[in-house]
Every structure is written in structure tokens, then in C-alpha cells.
Amino acid sequence: MSAIDYSSVRQAIQHGSLTSVYYLTGEEDILKDELVKAIVDVAVDPASRDFNVDIRGAGDLNGESLHTLLETPPMLAERRVVVVRGIEQWRKNAKIWSVLSSYLGHPSPTTLLILIGAGEPNATVAKQATHVSVGPPDADGLCQWAKARAAGWDMTLEHDAAMHLIRAVGGSLSITASEVDKLGASLDTGSVIGVKEIEQFVGVRHGETMTDWIDAVARRDLLRAVELLDVVLPQPGMTGVKMLNAMGTTLLGSRLARALADQRKNQRQVKDDLWRYLKSARPRGLGRYGEEVERWIVAATRWTTKELDAALMLMHEADEQLKSTTLSDPRATMTTLLLRFGSAKEAA
């Protein structure tokens, strides 16, 4: 059975539908923690959680202790929850795997087990448990998540403010969480958070995010791109490599749009093909798919195929330069790259 996504499992949990064993994998630890909390909230009454919720690190367990942990009956309750974090730490041939496999074949009706792993999922566990792949949400999903987190602080995060926040932090879920929590701790209960508040607390003004910088590059407004470089690069958590990665995704998408246009497809056909690509490939680090498609189509009208190929080669050279030495000046490297984009026709 293929892995289930975070949203589907969260919705099932909210409706009270639980299974005996969950296996959470993926890189978004914040969302894993939220799923664990949601499961515990439904599975165990608050009054008995001190006795019936057991959270352990995999490194602290062996075969015998795991068996005891899983077979312990609940205390004055119908069910208990056992959470085991980091099961990828167990050696491949360790006895604990056979103990776990035996349990997964016949799970206790009074124990709900949550296994949490990192890296490549264990195929055997994924097959025997409810496997949940907890990956980064898309821009719309992250926007809704940020609003819900703000609501947990009894605040209202306006849609435009949420989108600006996401752009300001480069789509990072962990930084989004941190910024929303800072707002929650600083503002009064019941506050309405708009773009102005995000600009004040995050320190990134509307129109001066990495997304705005990429827009300028895609439109070949290189003067604006150079101006924004001095604003975006110094922002917290920002690096030249991170900006290049984001730009590379846009240029590759624009190259695909250009190739489709060169096949004499009309704009509607190009847009449909790009949507199908995004839905099947689901590349990481993108904003809202609709906005991305429009950005790629616009760029495809401003760049020729050869110019995009040349730009991608220039960007690759800049990426190697940024990674090759600690003495490189990211601002100088990025500025030079943008100026070379201006002569991409000659480079082509």
C-alpha cells in the first residue's frame, strides 16, 4: 500500500478514525509532532494520559524492553498510546526488528503504536502499518497551516499576510512556525495580523521577498533584480546557494514552458501541460502552482530557448563558485551572474 499524506490522515483522525499502528516518515518533524498530538488527543482521555501515553527513543530500547512496552495493558482506560522515535537507529539484523515484526502481525487491541522514522522508509514496517509520508506542504497547504497555527494563539492571520510570511521565509515550515509563535507571544489575544504586522515582526517588506526577486529575473527586469539582491540576500536564513536553487527551479520551468511553446502549442495547452507536470512531479520549494505556471509562461515569452540554456549554464558556474571556497563574495557572485544574464543572448 502506498503512503498516505498528512492531510488525509489528519482529517481521518479528526473524525475519530484510528488504526492500530502508524508509521510516520518524512522530513517535517513539526507535522509529525502535530499528528502524534492529534492521535493522543483522540485515543486517550486527558485524565489518564500520565499513565497511558509512553514516548520512547528507539536507542533506549532492545527486543525485551520493546516487547514489555507493547504488551503492557492500559491503566484504568480502554487504550494506551506508545510512541517510538527514531527507529532507523536500530541495526539491520538486531533482534528488536523481529520483536516488532511479530507485534505488527498481531497488534494489541488495547495499544496504539506510533513509529517515527527518518530517511528512507523501512519497507517491511511500511507494509504492515499505516504509513504516513509527512513531506513539506505546498504553498496553499502551508498558508492554511499558518492560519491554523495563528488560530491556536487565538489570533487571525489574514490570507495576504500569510502569503507574505511564506514568501518572506522562503516557504520554510519551521521558520513559519517560529514567526507565527513570536507573533502569538507578542500580540494581544484576538489580534488580527495583516501584512503590516508581518513586515514589522519578520523584517521583510511586501515586494522585497525572494519570490519578488525571482519574478524580476523571470521578467528579465535585471535592474530590479540587482536592487532586490541587496535586500533579499541579507535576510535571515538566506544564502546565495538558496537563491540560486530557487532561481534554477524557475529557469528550468521556464525552459519547459519554452519547449512546449516551440512545439506550436497555444497558451492553454502549455498551461495544461505545465499543470500536469507539477501535479505528477511535485517539485519541492515551489509557491502556489498557479503562480508558478504563470511565472514560467511569462518568462518563456521573454527568453529564447538558447538564452535559457545559456542562463542555466551561467547559473551552474555561479553555484560552483559559491560552493568552492569560503572566500567567495556571494553578493559579488550573484551580481555578476545577473549582469551576465543581461548578455545571455551573446552567451547563447
Protein backbone atom coordinates (compact mmCIF):
# COMPACT_ATOMS: atom_id res chain seq x y z
CA MET A 1 0.00 0.00 0.00
CA SER A 2 1.33 3.44 -0.88
CA ALA A 3 1.94 6.03 1.81
CA ILE A 4 -0.92 8.28 2.92
CA ASP A 5 -0.37 12.03 3.00
CA TYR A 6 -0.53 14.19 6.11
CA SER A 7 -3.81 15.95 5.27
CA SER A 8 -5.75 12.73 4.67
CA VAL A 9 -4.61 11.17 7.95
CA ARG A 10 -5.23 14.36 9.91
CA GLN A 11 -8.78 14.52 8.56
CA ALA A 12 -9.42 10.85 9.46
CA ILE A 13 -8.09 11.42 12.98
CA GLN A 14 -10.34 14.43 13.47
CA HIS A 15 -13.30 12.21 12.61
CA GLY A 16 -12.18 9.69 15.23
CA SER A 17 -10.95 7.07 12.77
CA LEU A 18 -7.80 5.46 14.19
CA THR A 19 -5.72 2.42 13.25
CA SER A 20 -3.57 0.16 15.46
CA VAL A 21 -0.14 1.16 14.14
CA TYR A 22 1.10 4.34 12.46
CA TYR A 23 4.48 4.72 10.77
CA LEU A 24 5.41 8.38 10.26
CA THR A 25 8.24 9.18 7.84
CA GLY A 26 9.39 12.28 6.02
CA GLU A 27 11.33 15.40 6.89
CA GLU A 28 8.76 17.68 8.52
CA ASP A 29 9.18 16.91 12.21
CA ILE A 30 6.75 19.65 13.22
CA LEU A 31 3.94 17.96 11.31
CA LYS A 32 4.90 14.56 12.76
CA ASP A 33 4.60 16.04 16.26
CA GLU A 34 1.21 17.50 15.38
CA LEU A 35 -0.01 14.10 14.18
CA VAL A 36 1.19 12.44 17.39
CA LYS A 37 -0.64 15.04 19.47
CA ALA A 38 -3.80 14.69 17.38
CA ILE A 39 -3.76 10.90 17.78
CA VAL A 40 -3.19 11.10 21.53
CA ASP A 41 -5.98 13.67 21.91
CA VAL A 42 -8.47 11.28 20.30
CA ALA A 43 -7.13 7.99 21.67
CA VAL A 44 -6.58 8.71 25.36
CA ASP A 45 -8.67 10.65 27.84
CA PRO A 46 -6.73 13.62 29.31
CA ALA A 47 -7.25 12.35 32.86
CA SER A 48 -5.36 9.10 32.20
CA ARG A 49 -2.59 10.30 29.86
CA ASP A 50 0.08 10.34 32.57
CA PHE A 51 -0.34 6.57 32.85
CA ASN A 52 -1.27 5.61 29.29
CA VAL A 53 1.00 7.61 26.97
CA ASP A 54 4.56 6.32 26.71
CA ILE A 55 7.10 8.13 24.47
CA ARG A 56 10.48 6.46 23.97
CA GLY A 57 13.59 6.91 21.85
CA ALA A 58 14.48 3.88 19.76
CA GLY A 59 18.04 3.96 21.06
CA ASP A 60 16.82 3.28 24.60
CA LEU A 61 15.04 0.06 23.65
CA ASN A 62 16.05 -3.52 22.96
CA GLY A 63 13.94 -6.51 21.98
CA GLU A 64 12.91 -7.39 25.51
CA SER A 65 12.04 -3.87 26.61
CA LEU A 66 10.09 -3.22 23.40
CA HIS A 67 8.06 -6.41 23.95
CA THR A 68 7.25 -5.35 27.52
CA LEU A 69 6.36 -1.83 26.38
CA LEU A 70 3.96 -3.04 23.69
CA GLU A 71 2.26 -5.73 25.78
CA THR A 72 1.68 -3.61 28.91
CA PRO A 73 -2.11 -3.18 29.36
CA PRO A 74 -3.67 0.26 29.82
CA MET A 75 -4.27 1.52 33.35
CA LEU A 76 -7.89 2.39 34.16
CA ALA A 77 -8.57 3.11 30.48
CA GLU A 78 -9.60 1.33 27.30
CA ARG A 79 -6.44 2.13 25.37
CA ARG A 80 -2.87 3.37 25.67
CA VAL A 81 -0.51 5.01 23.15
CA VAL A 82 3.13 4.07 22.65
CA VAL A 83 5.38 6.37 20.59
CA VAL A 84 8.82 5.18 19.45
CA ARG A 85 11.02 7.82 17.80
CA GLY A 86 13.97 7.18 15.51
CA ILE A 87 13.53 3.52 14.60
CA GLU A 88 16.10 3.94 11.82
CA GLN A 89 18.71 3.80 14.61
CA TRP A 90 18.20 0.06 15.08
CA ARG A 91 20.84 -2.11 13.43
CA LYS A 92 19.61 -4.05 10.42
CA ASN A 93 19.86 -7.52 11.98
CA ALA A 94 19.05 -6.55 15.57
CA LYS A 95 16.63 -8.80 17.46
CA ILE A 96 14.33 -5.84 18.08
CA TRP A 97 13.21 -5.95 14.44
CA SER A 98 11.87 -9.49 14.83
CA VAL A 99 10.04 -8.42 18.00
CA LEU A 100 8.48 -5.51 16.16
CA SER A 101 7.59 -7.62 13.12
CA SER A 102 5.88 -10.19 15.32
CA TYR A 103 3.89 -7.46 17.03
CA LEU A 104 2.88 -5.81 13.74
CA GLY A 105 1.43 -9.14 12.62
CA HIS A 106 -0.80 -9.26 15.71
CA PRO A 107 -1.05 -5.80 17.31
CA SER A 108 -2.61 -5.46 20.73
CA PRO A 109 -6.23 -4.27 20.62
CA THR A 110 -5.57 -2.03 23.64
CA THR A 111 -2.34 -0.39 22.42
CA LEU A 112 -2.00 2.19 19.66
CA LEU A 113 1.58 2.25 18.38
CA ILE A 114 3.19 5.22 16.61
CA LEU A 115 6.57 4.57 14.98
CA ILE A 116 8.58 7.57 13.78
CA GLY A 117 11.45 7.27 11.34
CA ALA A 118 13.77 9.44 9.29
CA GLY A 119 15.45 8.83 5.96
CA GLU A 120 14.33 6.04 3.64
CA PRO A 121 11.21 4.27 4.97
CA ASN A 122 11.54 0.66 6.12
CA ALA A 123 9.60 -1.32 3.51
CA THR A 124 8.51 -4.06 5.92
CA VAL A 125 7.16 -1.65 8.52
CA ALA A 126 5.52 0.50 5.85
CA LYS A 127 3.68 -2.57 4.54
CA GLN A 128 2.39 -3.71 7.93
CA ALA A 129 1.47 -0.30 9.39
CA THR A 130 -0.47 2.76 8.29
CA HIS A 131 2.40 4.53 6.55
CA VAL A 132 2.12 8.32 6.60
CA SER A 133 4.57 10.32 4.48
CA VAL A 134 4.96 13.72 6.12
CA GLY A 135 6.56 15.93 3.49
CA PRO A 136 6.59 19.70 3.06
CA PRO A 137 3.16 21.12 2.16
CA ASP A 138 2.64 23.18 -0.96
CA ALA A 139 2.16 26.95 -0.67
CA ASP A 140 -1.63 26.73 -0.26
CA GLY A 141 -1.31 23.99 2.35
CA LEU A 142 1.36 25.96 4.22
CA CYS A 143 -0.85 29.05 4.12
CA GLN A 144 -3.76 27.18 5.70
CA TRP A 145 -1.41 25.62 8.24
CA ALA A 146 -0.04 29.04 9.24
CA LYS A 147 -3.58 30.37 9.70
CA ALA A 148 -4.47 27.38 11.88
CA ARG A 149 -1.33 27.84 13.99
CA ALA A 150 -2.22 31.51 14.48
CA ALA A 151 -5.74 30.48 15.47
CA GLY A 152 -4.17 28.30 18.15
CA TRP A 153 -2.86 31.55 19.65
CA ASP A 154 -6.38 33.00 19.36
CA MET A 155 -5.28 35.31 16.56
CA THR A 156 -6.48 35.79 12.99
CA LEU A 157 -3.82 35.66 10.28
CA GLU A 158 -5.15 37.32 7.13
CA HIS A 159 -4.62 35.49 3.85
CA ASP A 160 -2.39 38.15 2.26
CA ALA A 161 -0.34 38.32 5.45
CA ALA A 162 0.07 34.53 5.48
CA MET A 163 1.24 34.50 1.87
CA HIS A 164 3.70 37.34 2.52
CA LEU A 165 5.07 35.47 5.53
CA ILE A 166 5.56 32.31 3.49
CA ARG A 167 7.36 34.23 0.76
CA ALA A 168 9.48 36.07 3.32
CA VAL A 169 10.75 32.83 4.89
CA GLY A 170 11.24 31.03 1.59
CA GLY A 171 8.46 28.51 2.19
CA SER A 172 10.13 27.01 5.28
CA LEU A 173 7.59 25.37 7.57
CA SER A 174 9.82 25.53 10.65
CA ILE A 175 10.58 29.24 10.22
CA THR A 176 6.89 29.93 9.51
CA ALA A 177 6.05 28.20 12.79
CA SER A 178 8.69 30.21 14.66
CA GLU A 179 7.45 33.53 13.27
CA VAL A 180 3.79 32.77 14.00
CA ASP A 181 4.72 31.76 17.55
CA LYS A 182 6.66 35.00 18.01
CA LEU A 183 3.59 36.92 16.91
CA GLY A 184 1.44 34.90 19.27
CA ALA A 185 3.72 35.62 22.20
CA SER A 186 3.97 39.34 21.41
CA LEU A 187 0.48 40.39 20.32
CA ASP A 188 -2.73 40.60 22.30
CA THR A 189 -5.28 37.79 22.25
CA GLY A 190 -7.77 38.29 19.45
CA SER A 191 -5.34 40.30 17.30
CA VAL A 192 -5.80 40.42 13.53
CA ILE A 193 -2.45 40.04 11.77
CA GLY A 194 -2.09 41.81 8.45
CA VAL A 195 0.77 42.41 6.06
CA LYS A 196 1.94 45.41 8.13
CA GLU A 197 2.45 43.24 11.21
CA ILE A 198 4.36 40.64 9.21
CA GLU A 199 6.63 43.35 7.78
CA GLN A 200 7.28 44.69 11.27
CA PHE A 201 7.97 41.38 13.01
CA VAL A 202 9.69 39.44 10.23
CA GLY A 203 11.59 42.43 8.91
CA VAL A 204 10.78 41.79 5.25
CA ARG A 205 8.66 44.31 3.43
CA HIS A 206 5.99 43.39 0.92
CA GLY A 207 7.51 43.23 -2.55
CA GLU A 208 11.00 42.51 -1.22
CA THR A 209 10.97 38.73 -0.81
CA MET A 210 12.94 36.08 -2.67
CA THR A 211 9.80 35.39 -4.72
CA ASP A 212 9.78 39.04 -5.87
CA TRP A 213 13.46 38.72 -6.79
CA ILE A 214 12.75 35.60 -8.85
CA ASP A 215 9.86 37.40 -10.56
CA ALA A 216 12.24 40.17 -11.59
CA VAL A 217 14.70 37.65 -13.04
CA ALA A 218 11.94 35.80 -14.89
CA ARG A 219 10.71 39.09 -16.41
CA ARG A 220 14.33 39.99 -17.29
CA ASP A 221 14.00 43.14 -15.22
CA LEU A 222 17.62 42.74 -14.21
CA LEU A 223 17.99 46.25 -12.79
CA ARG A 224 15.23 45.48 -10.29
CA ALA A 225 16.78 42.06 -9.64
CA VAL A 226 20.13 43.68 -8.75
CA GLU A 227 18.36 46.17 -6.46
CA LEU A 228 16.45 43.38 -4.69
CA LEU A 229 19.63 41.35 -4.30
CA ASP A 230 20.89 43.85 -1.72
CA VAL A 231 17.61 43.49 0.19
CA VAL A 232 16.96 39.74 -0.07
CA LEU A 233 20.46 38.29 0.41
CA PRO A 234 20.96 39.77 3.93
CA GLN A 235 17.61 38.42 5.17
CA PRO A 236 17.74 35.83 8.00
CA GLY A 237 18.38 32.30 6.78
CA MET A 238 19.09 33.44 3.22
CA THR A 239 22.15 32.34 1.25
CA GLY A 240 23.35 32.74 -2.29
CA VAL A 241 23.04 28.97 -2.85
CA LYS A 242 19.43 29.01 -1.63
CA MET A 243 18.60 31.84 -4.02
CA LEU A 244 20.30 30.05 -6.89
CA ASN A 245 18.35 26.86 -6.20
CA ALA A 246 15.06 28.78 -6.29
CA MET A 247 16.08 30.61 -9.44
CA GLY A 248 17.17 27.35 -11.05
CA THR A 249 13.73 25.83 -10.49
CA THR A 250 12.12 28.83 -12.20
CA LEU A 251 14.52 28.78 -15.13
CA LEU A 252 14.01 25.03 -15.63
CA GLY A 253 10.24 25.50 -15.50
CA SER A 254 10.55 28.37 -17.98
CA ARG A 255 12.68 26.17 -20.21
CA LEU A 256 9.92 23.55 -20.17
CA ALA A 257 7.31 26.19 -20.99
CA ARG A 258 9.52 27.49 -23.81
CA ALA A 259 9.93 23.96 -25.21
CA LEU A 260 6.16 23.45 -25.18
CA ALA A 261 5.63 26.78 -26.90
CA ASP A 262 8.23 25.84 -29.52
CA GLN A 263 6.04 22.83 -30.33
CA ARG A 264 3.47 25.37 -31.57
CA LYS A 265 1.13 24.68 -28.68
CA ASN A 266 -1.20 27.50 -27.71
CA GLN A 267 -1.06 29.07 -24.25
CA ARG A 268 -3.96 26.98 -22.95
CA GLN A 269 -2.22 23.77 -23.98
CA VAL A 270 1.08 24.94 -22.49
CA LYS A 271 -0.62 25.80 -19.21
CA ASP A 272 -2.39 22.42 -19.06
CA ASP A 273 0.86 20.55 -19.73
CA LEU A 274 2.69 22.51 -17.03
CA TRP A 275 -0.08 21.77 -14.53
CA ARG A 276 0.12 18.06 -15.32
CA TYR A 277 3.88 18.15 -14.82
CA LEU A 278 3.62 19.90 -11.44
CA LYS A 279 0.94 17.52 -10.18
CA SER A 280 2.94 14.44 -11.17
CA ALA A 281 6.44 15.60 -10.20
CA ARG A 282 5.51 17.84 -7.22
CA PRO A 283 8.94 19.54 -7.18
CA ARG A 284 9.97 20.97 -3.82
CA GLY A 285 10.29 24.61 -2.86
CA LEU A 286 7.60 25.99 -5.15
CA GLY A 287 4.98 28.56 -4.32
CA ARG A 288 1.36 28.24 -5.40
CA TYR A 289 1.24 26.17 -8.56
CA GLY A 290 -0.97 28.67 -10.37
CA GLU A 291 1.50 31.46 -9.73
CA GLU A 292 4.44 29.27 -10.75
CA VAL A 293 2.81 28.31 -14.04
CA GLU A 294 2.06 31.96 -14.85
CA ARG A 295 5.66 32.92 -13.97
CA TRP A 296 7.08 30.22 -16.25
CA ILE A 297 4.82 31.21 -19.12
CA VAL A 298 5.75 34.89 -18.80
CA ALA A 299 9.44 34.02 -18.68
CA ALA A 300 9.07 31.83 -21.77
CA THR A 301 7.94 34.91 -23.70
CA ARG A 302 10.96 36.95 -22.52
CA TRP A 303 13.68 34.33 -23.04
CA THR A 304 14.54 32.23 -26.08
CA THR A 305 15.43 28.56 -25.73
CA LYS A 306 19.13 29.25 -26.32
CA GLU A 307 19.11 32.13 -23.82
CA LEU A 308 17.56 29.95 -21.14
CA ASP A 309 20.12 27.21 -21.82
CA ALA A 310 22.91 29.77 -21.56
CA ALA A 311 21.44 31.22 -18.36
CA LEU A 312 21.28 27.76 -16.76
CA MET A 313 24.94 27.16 -17.64
CA LEU A 314 25.91 30.53 -16.15
CA MET A 315 23.93 29.73 -13.01
CA HIS A 316 25.69 26.38 -12.69
CA GLU A 317 29.05 28.14 -12.84
CA ALA A 318 27.94 30.61 -10.15
CA ASP A 319 26.71 27.75 -7.96
CA GLU A 320 30.09 26.01 -8.20
CA GLN A 321 31.84 29.25 -7.36
CA LEU A 322 29.70 29.81 -4.26
CA LYS A 323 30.36 26.27 -3.05
CA SER A 324 34.04 26.08 -3.94
CA THR A 325 35.53 28.44 -1.37
CA THR A 326 34.68 30.31 1.80
CA LEU A 327 36.45 33.34 0.39
CA SER A 328 33.87 33.98 -2.34
CA ASP A 329 31.66 37.05 -2.02
CA PRO A 330 28.05 35.87 -2.51
CA ARG A 331 26.82 39.36 -3.36
CA ALA A 332 29.53 39.88 -5.98
CA THR A 333 28.97 36.42 -7.46
CA MET A 334 25.21 36.92 -7.67
CA THR A 335 25.53 40.44 -9.09
CA THR A 336 27.95 39.23 -11.76
CA LEU A 337 25.55 36.43 -12.64
CA LEU A 338 22.64 38.85 -13.09
CA LEU A 339 24.75 41.12 -15.26
CA ARG A 340 25.78 38.13 -17.37
CA PHE A 341 22.08 37.28 -17.70
CA GLY A 342 21.75 40.66 -19.35
CA SER A 343 24.02 39.44 -22.10
CA ALA A 344 22.58 35.93 -22.26
CA LYS A 345 21.89 36.42 -25.96
CA GLU A 346 25.60 36.85 -26.61
CA ALA A 347 26.38 33.91 -24.29
CA ALA A 348 23.93 31.77 -26.26
